[in-house]
Amino acid sequence: MTNKKGFTLLEVTISVALLSFVMVFMFRLLNMARKDENAISLTTELLLNKATLSKNLNESIKKSKGIASSTCTESACTLNMKDGTTKELKIINNKIVELTDTTKNLKEVVRELPNDFKYKIRRVDNEYLTLITLIVTSHEEYNIEIVDKKI
């Protein structure tokens, strides 16, 4: 009679193979969760920039009774308000977006932009409104939209 204590080589091999399979699956699942977290973090940062700039500039436009005139390039937009103040929205070195009241030489909003993206400013005018958009290129467009109704 033999006394069976322990596992056979076949049992150990099968258990190591199953454990390896489970570990590979868990590693892939963890890696996917990390990538999702990074994407959510980036999206949150872009949306926070949008909300901050939109709120501040739209309040300024409302307070000053609208935009009298504006000039825009891909990196800066100067807004001459109807109350005589001037606001400038500009992108500095593709890293920072800044909203400045140039009449008072006061920086109202300074936001650091997420890396690895290119940003540009676009202005669209039509009969009824002015739309100024900060565009995040090479990514989904999380745009900062500033609207002024023309009367």
N, C-alpha and C. Protein backbone atom coordinates (compact mmCIF):
# COMPACT_ATOMS: atom_id res chain seq x y z
N MET A 1 0.81 -1.17 0.00
CA MET A 1 0.00 0.00 0.00
C MET A 1 0.87 1.25 0.00
N THR A 2 0.53 2.16 -0.89
CA THR A 2 1.30 3.39 -0.93
C THR A 2 0.51 4.48 -0.22
N ASN A 3 1.25 5.34 0.42
CA ASN A 3 0.64 6.47 1.15
C ASN A 3 0.69 7.69 0.24
N LYS A 4 -0.48 8.20 -0.17
CA LYS A 4 -0.52 9.34 -1.07
C LYS A 4 -0.57 10.63 -0.26
N LYS A 5 0.52 11.33 -0.23
CA LYS A 5 0.60 12.64 0.41
C LYS A 5 1.13 13.61 -0.63
N GLY A 6 0.45 14.76 -0.85
CA GLY A 6 0.93 15.75 -1.80
C GLY A 6 0.23 15.63 -3.15
N PHE A 7 0.77 16.38 -4.11
CA PHE A 7 0.17 16.45 -5.44
C PHE A 7 1.08 15.80 -6.46
N THR A 8 0.47 15.34 -7.50
CA THR A 8 1.28 14.77 -8.58
C THR A 8 1.79 15.91 -9.46
N LEU A 9 2.75 15.62 -10.29
CA LEU A 9 3.32 16.63 -11.18
C LEU A 9 2.25 17.15 -12.15
N LEU A 10 1.37 16.30 -12.60
CA LEU A 10 0.29 16.71 -13.50
C LEU A 10 -0.67 17.69 -12.82
N GLU A 11 -1.02 17.45 -11.60
CA GLU A 11 -1.91 18.36 -10.86
C GLU A 11 -1.26 19.73 -10.65
N VAL A 12 -0.01 19.75 -10.33
CA VAL A 12 0.70 21.01 -10.13
C VAL A 12 0.79 21.78 -11.45
N THR A 13 1.07 21.09 -12.54
CA THR A 13 1.18 21.74 -13.85
C THR A 13 -0.16 22.35 -14.26
N ILE A 14 -1.24 21.62 -14.07
CA ILE A 14 -2.56 22.14 -14.42
C ILE A 14 -2.91 23.35 -13.55
N SER A 15 -2.64 23.30 -12.28
CA SER A 15 -2.97 24.43 -11.40
C SER A 15 -2.14 25.67 -11.75
N VAL A 16 -0.86 25.50 -12.11
CA VAL A 16 -0.02 26.63 -12.52
C VAL A 16 -0.55 27.22 -13.83
N ALA A 17 -0.95 26.37 -14.76
CA ALA A 17 -1.49 26.85 -16.03
C ALA A 17 -2.79 27.63 -15.81
N LEU A 18 -3.68 27.13 -14.98
CA LEU A 18 -4.93 27.84 -14.69
C LEU A 18 -4.66 29.16 -13.97
N LEU A 19 -3.75 29.14 -13.03
CA LEU A 19 -3.40 30.37 -12.32
C LEU A 19 -2.79 31.39 -13.28
N SER A 20 -1.95 30.95 -14.21
CA SER A 20 -1.37 31.86 -15.21
C SER A 20 -2.44 32.47 -16.09
N PHE A 21 -3.40 31.67 -16.52
CA PHE A 21 -4.51 32.15 -17.34
C PHE A 21 -5.32 33.22 -16.59
N VAL A 22 -5.62 32.97 -15.34
CA VAL A 22 -6.38 33.93 -14.52
C VAL A 22 -5.57 35.21 -14.32
N MET A 23 -4.26 35.09 -14.10
CA MET A 23 -3.41 36.27 -13.88
C MET A 23 -3.33 37.12 -15.15
N VAL A 24 -3.22 36.52 -16.32
CA VAL A 24 -3.18 37.27 -17.58
C VAL A 24 -4.49 38.01 -17.77
N PHE A 25 -5.61 37.35 -17.52
CA PHE A 25 -6.92 37.98 -17.63
C PHE A 25 -7.04 39.17 -16.66
N MET A 26 -6.62 38.99 -15.42
CA MET A 26 -6.70 40.05 -14.42
C MET A 26 -5.78 41.22 -14.80
N PHE A 27 -4.59 40.94 -15.34
CA PHE A 27 -3.68 42.00 -15.75
C PHE A 27 -4.29 42.83 -16.87
N ARG A 28 -4.90 42.17 -17.86
CA ARG A 28 -5.55 42.89 -18.96
C ARG A 28 -6.71 43.73 -18.45
N LEU A 29 -7.49 43.20 -17.54
CA LEU A 29 -8.61 43.93 -16.97
C LEU A 29 -8.12 45.16 -16.21
N LEU A 30 -7.07 45.01 -15.44
CA LEU A 30 -6.50 46.13 -14.69
C LEU A 30 -5.93 47.19 -15.63
N ASN A 31 -5.28 46.76 -16.71
CA ASN A 31 -4.71 47.68 -17.69
C ASN A 31 -5.82 48.47 -18.40
N MET A 32 -6.92 47.81 -18.75
CA MET A 32 -8.07 48.50 -19.36
C MET A 32 -8.66 49.53 -18.40
N ALA A 33 -8.76 49.19 -17.13
CA ALA A 33 -9.30 50.12 -16.14
C ALA A 33 -8.40 51.34 -15.99
N ARG A 34 -7.09 51.13 -16.04
CA ARG A 34 -6.14 52.25 -15.95
C ARG A 34 -6.27 53.18 -17.15
N LYS A 35 -6.40 52.62 -18.36
CA LYS A 35 -6.57 53.44 -19.56
C LYS A 35 -7.88 54.22 -19.51
N ASP A 36 -8.94 53.58 -19.05
CA ASP A 36 -10.23 54.27 -18.92
C ASP A 36 -10.14 55.42 -17.92
N GLU A 37 -9.42 55.20 -16.83
CA GLU A 37 -9.26 56.25 -15.82
C GLU A 37 -8.50 57.43 -16.39
N ASN A 38 -7.47 57.17 -17.19
CA ASN A 38 -6.70 58.26 -17.81
C ASN A 38 -7.57 59.05 -18.78
N ALA A 39 -8.38 58.36 -19.58
CA ALA A 39 -9.27 59.04 -20.53
C ALA A 39 -10.32 59.87 -19.79
N ILE A 40 -10.86 59.34 -18.73
CA ILE A 40 -11.87 60.08 -17.94
C ILE A 40 -11.24 61.30 -17.29
N SER A 41 -10.03 61.16 -16.79
CA SER A 41 -9.33 62.28 -16.18
C SER A 41 -9.07 63.39 -17.19
N LEU A 42 -8.64 63.04 -18.40
CA LEU A 42 -8.40 64.02 -19.45
C LEU A 42 -9.70 64.73 -19.85
N THR A 43 -10.75 63.96 -20.03
CA THR A 43 -12.05 64.52 -20.39
C THR A 43 -12.54 65.48 -19.31
N THR A 44 -12.37 65.11 -18.06
CA THR A 44 -12.79 65.97 -16.95
C THR A 44 -12.01 67.27 -16.96
N GLU A 45 -10.71 67.20 -17.19
CA GLU A 45 -9.87 68.41 -17.23
C GLU A 45 -10.29 69.33 -18.38
N LEU A 46 -10.54 68.76 -19.55
CA LEU A 46 -10.97 69.56 -20.70
C LEU A 46 -12.33 70.20 -20.44
N LEU A 47 -13.26 69.47 -19.87
CA LEU A 47 -14.59 70.01 -19.58
C LEU A 47 -14.53 71.09 -18.49
N LEU A 48 -13.65 70.92 -17.52
CA LEU A 48 -13.48 71.94 -16.49
C LEU A 48 -12.94 73.23 -17.08
N ASN A 49 -11.96 73.13 -17.99
CA ASN A 49 -11.45 74.31 -18.70
C ASN A 49 -12.58 74.99 -19.48
N LYS A 50 -13.37 74.19 -20.17
CA LYS A 50 -14.48 74.73 -20.96
C LYS A 50 -15.45 75.49 -20.06
N ALA A 51 -15.84 74.88 -18.98
CA ALA A 51 -16.82 75.51 -18.09
C ALA A 51 -16.29 76.79 -17.48
N THR A 52 -15.04 76.78 -17.04
CA THR A 52 -14.46 77.95 -16.40
C THR A 52 -14.35 79.12 -17.37
N LEU A 53 -13.79 78.88 -18.55
CA LEU A 53 -13.63 79.96 -19.53
C LEU A 53 -14.98 80.45 -20.07
N SER A 54 -15.87 79.53 -20.38
CA SER A 54 -17.17 79.92 -20.91
C SER A 54 -17.94 80.78 -19.91
N LYS A 55 -17.97 80.33 -18.68
CA LYS A 55 -18.71 81.06 -17.64
C LYS A 55 -18.15 82.46 -17.47
N ASN A 56 -16.85 82.56 -17.33
CA ASN A 56 -16.23 83.86 -17.07
C ASN A 56 -16.42 84.82 -18.24
N LEU A 57 -16.16 84.36 -19.46
CA LEU A 57 -16.27 85.25 -20.61
C LEU A 57 -17.72 85.59 -20.92
N ASN A 58 -18.61 84.63 -20.81
CA ASN A 58 -20.02 84.93 -21.06
C ASN A 58 -20.59 85.91 -20.04
N GLU A 59 -20.15 85.81 -18.78
CA GLU A 59 -20.58 86.79 -17.78
C GLU A 59 -20.05 88.19 -18.12
N SER A 60 -18.81 88.25 -18.61
CA SER A 60 -18.24 89.54 -19.01
C SER A 60 -19.02 90.15 -20.17
N ILE A 61 -19.38 89.31 -21.14
CA ILE A 61 -20.13 89.80 -22.30
C ILE A 61 -21.50 90.31 -21.87
N LYS A 62 -22.15 89.56 -21.00
CA LYS A 62 -23.48 89.97 -20.51
C LYS A 62 -23.39 91.27 -19.72
N LYS A 63 -22.39 91.37 -18.85
CA LYS A 63 -22.21 92.56 -18.02
C LYS A 63 -21.91 93.81 -18.85
N SER A 64 -21.17 93.63 -19.95
CA SER A 64 -20.79 94.78 -20.77
C SER A 64 -21.77 95.03 -21.92
N LYS A 65 -22.91 94.34 -21.91
CA LYS A 65 -23.98 94.51 -22.90
C LYS A 65 -23.62 94.02 -24.30
N GLY A 66 -22.60 93.17 -24.42
CA GLY A 66 -22.29 92.56 -25.70
C GLY A 66 -20.93 92.94 -26.24
N ILE A 67 -20.62 92.36 -27.42
CA ILE A 67 -19.36 92.59 -28.10
C ILE A 67 -19.58 93.63 -29.19
N ALA A 68 -18.76 94.69 -29.17
CA ALA A 68 -18.84 95.71 -30.21
C ALA A 68 -18.10 95.24 -31.46
N SER A 69 -16.90 94.69 -31.27
CA SER A 69 -16.12 94.15 -32.39
C SER A 69 -15.13 93.13 -31.84
N SER A 70 -14.62 92.29 -32.75
CA SER A 70 -13.63 91.30 -32.33
C SER A 70 -12.71 90.96 -33.49
N THR A 71 -11.49 90.63 -33.13
CA THR A 71 -10.52 90.15 -34.11
C THR A 71 -9.90 88.88 -33.54
N CYS A 72 -9.78 87.86 -34.38
CA CYS A 72 -9.27 86.58 -33.91
C CYS A 72 -8.23 86.01 -34.87
N THR A 73 -7.24 85.35 -34.29
CA THR A 73 -6.31 84.51 -35.03
C THR A 73 -6.45 83.11 -34.45
N GLU A 74 -5.60 82.20 -34.88
CA GLU A 74 -5.68 80.84 -34.33
C GLU A 74 -5.18 80.75 -32.90
N SER A 75 -4.46 81.78 -32.42
CA SER A 75 -3.92 81.70 -31.06
C SER A 75 -4.41 82.81 -30.14
N ALA A 76 -5.16 83.78 -30.65
CA ALA A 76 -5.64 84.86 -29.80
C ALA A 76 -6.91 85.47 -30.37
N CYS A 77 -7.73 85.97 -29.46
CA CYS A 77 -8.96 86.64 -29.87
C CYS A 77 -9.16 87.85 -28.97
N THR A 78 -9.26 89.02 -29.59
CA THR A 78 -9.47 90.26 -28.85
C THR A 78 -10.92 90.68 -29.02
N LEU A 79 -11.60 90.90 -27.90
CA LEU A 79 -13.01 91.27 -27.90
C LEU A 79 -13.17 92.68 -27.35
N ASN A 80 -13.63 93.60 -28.19
CA ASN A 80 -13.92 94.96 -27.74
C ASN A 80 -15.39 94.99 -27.34
N MET A 81 -15.62 95.24 -26.06
CA MET A 81 -16.97 95.21 -25.52
C MET A 81 -17.68 96.54 -25.73
N LYS A 82 -19.01 96.51 -25.65
CA LYS A 82 -19.80 97.71 -25.86
C LYS A 82 -19.63 98.74 -24.74
N ASP A 83 -19.16 98.32 -23.58
CA ASP A 83 -18.94 99.28 -22.49
C ASP A 83 -17.53 99.87 -22.50
N GLY A 84 -16.73 99.57 -23.55
CA GLY A 84 -15.40 100.15 -23.69
C GLY A 84 -14.27 99.28 -23.18
N THR A 85 -14.57 98.19 -22.49
CA THR A 85 -13.52 97.30 -22.02
C THR A 85 -13.06 96.38 -23.15
N THR A 86 -11.90 95.80 -22.98
CA THR A 86 -11.35 94.89 -23.98
C THR A 86 -10.92 93.61 -23.27
N LYS A 87 -11.33 92.47 -23.82
CA LYS A 87 -10.95 91.16 -23.29
C LYS A 87 -10.11 90.46 -24.35
N GLU A 88 -9.13 89.69 -23.90
CA GLU A 88 -8.31 88.93 -24.82
C GLU A 88 -8.23 87.48 -24.35
N LEU A 89 -8.61 86.58 -25.24
CA LEU A 89 -8.49 85.15 -25.00
C LEU A 89 -7.32 84.67 -25.85
N LYS A 90 -6.30 84.09 -25.20
CA LYS A 90 -5.14 83.66 -25.99
C LYS A 90 -4.58 82.35 -25.47
N ILE A 91 -3.94 81.66 -26.40
CA ILE A 91 -3.26 80.40 -26.10
C ILE A 91 -1.77 80.71 -26.09
N ILE A 92 -1.11 80.37 -25.00
CA ILE A 92 0.32 80.67 -24.85
C ILE A 92 1.11 79.36 -24.94
N ASN A 93 1.99 79.26 -25.96
CA ASN A 93 2.87 78.10 -26.16
C ASN A 93 2.13 76.77 -26.17
N ASN A 94 0.87 76.77 -26.57
CA ASN A 94 0.04 75.56 -26.64
C ASN A 94 -0.03 74.84 -25.29
N LYS A 95 0.18 75.59 -24.19
CA LYS A 95 0.16 75.00 -22.86
C LYS A 95 -0.82 75.68 -21.92
N ILE A 96 -1.07 76.98 -22.16
CA ILE A 96 -1.91 77.75 -21.24
C ILE A 96 -2.92 78.54 -22.04
N VAL A 97 -4.15 78.58 -21.54
CA VAL A 97 -5.15 79.46 -22.12
C VAL A 97 -5.41 80.53 -21.06
N GLU A 98 -5.48 81.76 -21.54
CA GLU A 98 -5.54 82.90 -20.63
C GLU A 98 -6.60 83.87 -21.10
N LEU A 99 -7.41 84.34 -20.17
CA LEU A 99 -8.39 85.38 -20.45
C LEU A 99 -7.98 86.61 -19.66
N THR A 100 -7.73 87.71 -20.38
CA THR A 100 -7.22 88.93 -19.77
C THR A 100 -8.13 90.10 -20.07
N ASP A 101 -8.38 90.92 -19.06
CA ASP A 101 -9.04 92.20 -19.26
C ASP A 101 -7.91 93.19 -19.55
N THR A 102 -7.68 93.48 -20.83
CA THR A 102 -6.55 94.32 -21.20
C THR A 102 -6.77 95.78 -20.82
N THR A 103 -8.01 96.18 -20.60
CA THR A 103 -8.28 97.55 -20.16
C THR A 103 -7.67 97.79 -18.78
N LYS A 104 -7.82 96.82 -17.88
CA LYS A 104 -7.31 96.93 -16.51
C LYS A 104 -5.99 96.18 -16.34
N ASN A 105 -5.49 95.54 -17.42
CA ASN A 105 -4.30 94.71 -17.37
C ASN A 105 -4.41 93.67 -16.26
N LEU A 106 -5.56 92.96 -16.25
CA LEU A 106 -5.88 92.00 -15.21
C LEU A 106 -6.15 90.64 -15.84
N LYS A 107 -5.42 89.61 -15.39
CA LYS A 107 -5.67 88.25 -15.87
C LYS A 107 -6.84 87.69 -15.08
N GLU A 108 -7.93 87.41 -15.80
CA GLU A 108 -9.13 86.92 -15.14
C GLU A 108 -9.13 85.41 -14.96
N VAL A 109 -8.69 84.68 -15.98
CA VAL A 109 -8.64 83.22 -15.91
C VAL A 109 -7.34 82.76 -16.57
N VAL A 110 -6.64 81.88 -15.89
CA VAL A 110 -5.45 81.24 -16.45
C VAL A 110 -5.61 79.75 -16.20
N ARG A 111 -5.66 78.97 -17.27
CA ARG A 111 -5.85 77.52 -17.15
C ARG A 111 -4.73 76.81 -17.90
N GLU A 112 -4.15 75.82 -17.25
CA GLU A 112 -3.15 75.00 -17.92
C GLU A 112 -3.87 73.94 -18.74
N LEU A 113 -3.46 73.80 -20.00
CA LEU A 113 -4.11 72.85 -20.90
C LEU A 113 -3.43 71.50 -20.83
N PRO A 114 -4.19 70.42 -21.02
CA PRO A 114 -3.58 69.09 -21.04
C PRO A 114 -2.54 68.98 -22.16
N ASN A 115 -1.46 68.26 -21.89
CA ASN A 115 -0.38 68.09 -22.87
C ASN A 115 -0.80 67.19 -24.03
N ASP A 116 0.04 67.16 -25.03
CA ASP A 116 -0.08 66.26 -26.17
C ASP A 116 -1.25 66.57 -27.10
N PHE A 117 -1.80 67.75 -27.02
CA PHE A 117 -2.85 68.16 -27.93
C PHE A 117 -2.51 69.52 -28.50
N LYS A 118 -3.09 69.84 -29.62
CA LYS A 118 -2.93 71.15 -30.21
C LYS A 118 -4.25 71.89 -30.06
N TYR A 119 -4.15 73.18 -29.83
CA TYR A 119 -5.33 74.01 -29.59
C TYR A 119 -5.33 75.18 -30.56
N LYS A 120 -6.51 75.61 -30.94
CA LYS A 120 -6.62 76.80 -31.76
C LYS A 120 -7.96 77.47 -31.47
N ILE A 121 -8.02 78.75 -31.82
CA ILE A 121 -9.23 79.54 -31.61
C ILE A 121 -9.89 79.77 -32.96
N ARG A 122 -11.20 79.64 -32.98
CA ARG A 122 -11.95 79.89 -34.21
C ARG A 122 -13.13 80.80 -33.87
N ARG A 123 -13.36 81.80 -34.72
CA ARG A 123 -14.50 82.70 -34.57
C ARG A 123 -15.41 82.54 -35.77
N VAL A 124 -16.69 82.41 -35.49
CA VAL A 124 -17.69 82.33 -36.55
C VAL A 124 -18.72 83.42 -36.27
N ASP A 125 -18.95 84.27 -37.26
CA ASP A 125 -19.95 85.33 -37.16
C ASP A 125 -21.06 85.05 -38.14
N ASN A 126 -22.27 85.26 -37.72
CA ASN A 126 -23.37 85.28 -38.66
C ASN A 126 -24.29 86.44 -38.27
N GLU A 127 -25.44 86.48 -38.85
CA GLU A 127 -26.33 87.62 -38.65
C GLU A 127 -26.77 87.78 -37.20
N TYR A 128 -26.86 86.69 -36.47
CA TYR A 128 -27.46 86.73 -35.14
C TYR A 128 -26.48 86.57 -33.98
N LEU A 129 -25.32 85.97 -34.21
CA LEU A 129 -24.44 85.74 -33.07
C LEU A 129 -22.98 85.65 -33.50
N THR A 130 -22.12 85.80 -32.49
CA THR A 130 -20.69 85.56 -32.64
C THR A 130 -20.37 84.33 -31.81
N LEU A 131 -19.71 83.37 -32.39
CA LEU A 131 -19.34 82.15 -31.69
C LEU A 131 -17.83 82.03 -31.71
N ILE A 132 -17.23 82.00 -30.53
CA ILE A 132 -15.78 81.85 -30.40
C ILE A 132 -15.53 80.51 -29.75
N THR A 133 -14.70 79.69 -30.37
CA THR A 133 -14.50 78.32 -29.93
C THR A 133 -13.02 78.03 -29.75
N LEU A 134 -12.67 77.46 -28.60
CA LEU A 134 -11.32 76.94 -28.39
C LEU A 134 -11.38 75.47 -28.78
N ILE A 135 -10.69 75.09 -29.84
CA ILE A 135 -10.79 73.75 -30.39
C ILE A 135 -9.60 72.91 -29.94
N VAL A 136 -9.91 71.73 -29.45
CA VAL A 136 -8.88 70.76 -29.11
C VAL A 136 -8.75 69.86 -30.34
N THR A 137 -7.67 70.06 -31.11
CA THR A 137 -7.50 69.24 -32.31
C THR A 137 -6.90 67.90 -31.94
N SER A 138 -7.04 66.95 -32.80
CA SER A 138 -6.57 65.57 -32.63
C SER A 138 -7.20 64.90 -31.41
N HIS A 139 -8.38 65.28 -31.07
CA HIS A 139 -9.12 64.69 -29.96
C HIS A 139 -10.58 65.00 -30.21
N GLU A 140 -11.45 64.37 -29.45
CA GLU A 140 -12.84 64.77 -29.56
C GLU A 140 -12.92 66.26 -29.25
N GLU A 141 -13.81 66.96 -29.88
CA GLU A 141 -13.86 68.41 -29.69
C GLU A 141 -14.59 68.76 -28.41
N TYR A 142 -13.84 69.09 -27.38
CA TYR A 142 -14.39 69.65 -26.16
C TYR A 142 -14.15 71.14 -26.27
N ASN A 143 -15.07 71.81 -26.89
CA ASN A 143 -14.86 73.19 -27.29
C ASN A 143 -15.42 74.15 -26.26
N ILE A 144 -14.73 75.26 -26.14
CA ILE A 144 -15.19 76.34 -25.28
C ILE A 144 -15.96 77.29 -26.16
N GLU A 145 -17.23 77.40 -25.93
CA GLU A 145 -18.06 78.20 -26.81
C GLU A 145 -18.50 79.46 -26.09
N ILE A 146 -18.23 80.58 -26.71
CA ILE A 146 -18.62 81.88 -26.19
C ILE A 146 -19.56 82.49 -27.20
N VAL A 147 -20.75 82.79 -26.78
CA VAL A 147 -21.77 83.26 -27.72
C VAL A 147 -22.20 84.67 -27.33
N ASP A 148 -22.31 85.54 -28.31
CA ASP A 148 -22.85 86.88 -28.10
C ASP A 148 -23.95 87.10 -29.13
N LYS A 149 -25.16 87.37 -28.68
CA LYS A 149 -26.26 87.64 -29.60
C LYS A 149 -26.11 89.03 -30.18
N LYS A 150 -26.31 89.14 -31.46
CA LYS A 150 -26.27 90.44 -32.10
C LYS A 150 -27.69 90.99 -32.14
N ILE A 151 -27.81 92.24 -31.82
CA ILE A 151 -29.14 92.87 -31.80
C ILE A 151 -29.23 93.92 -32.90
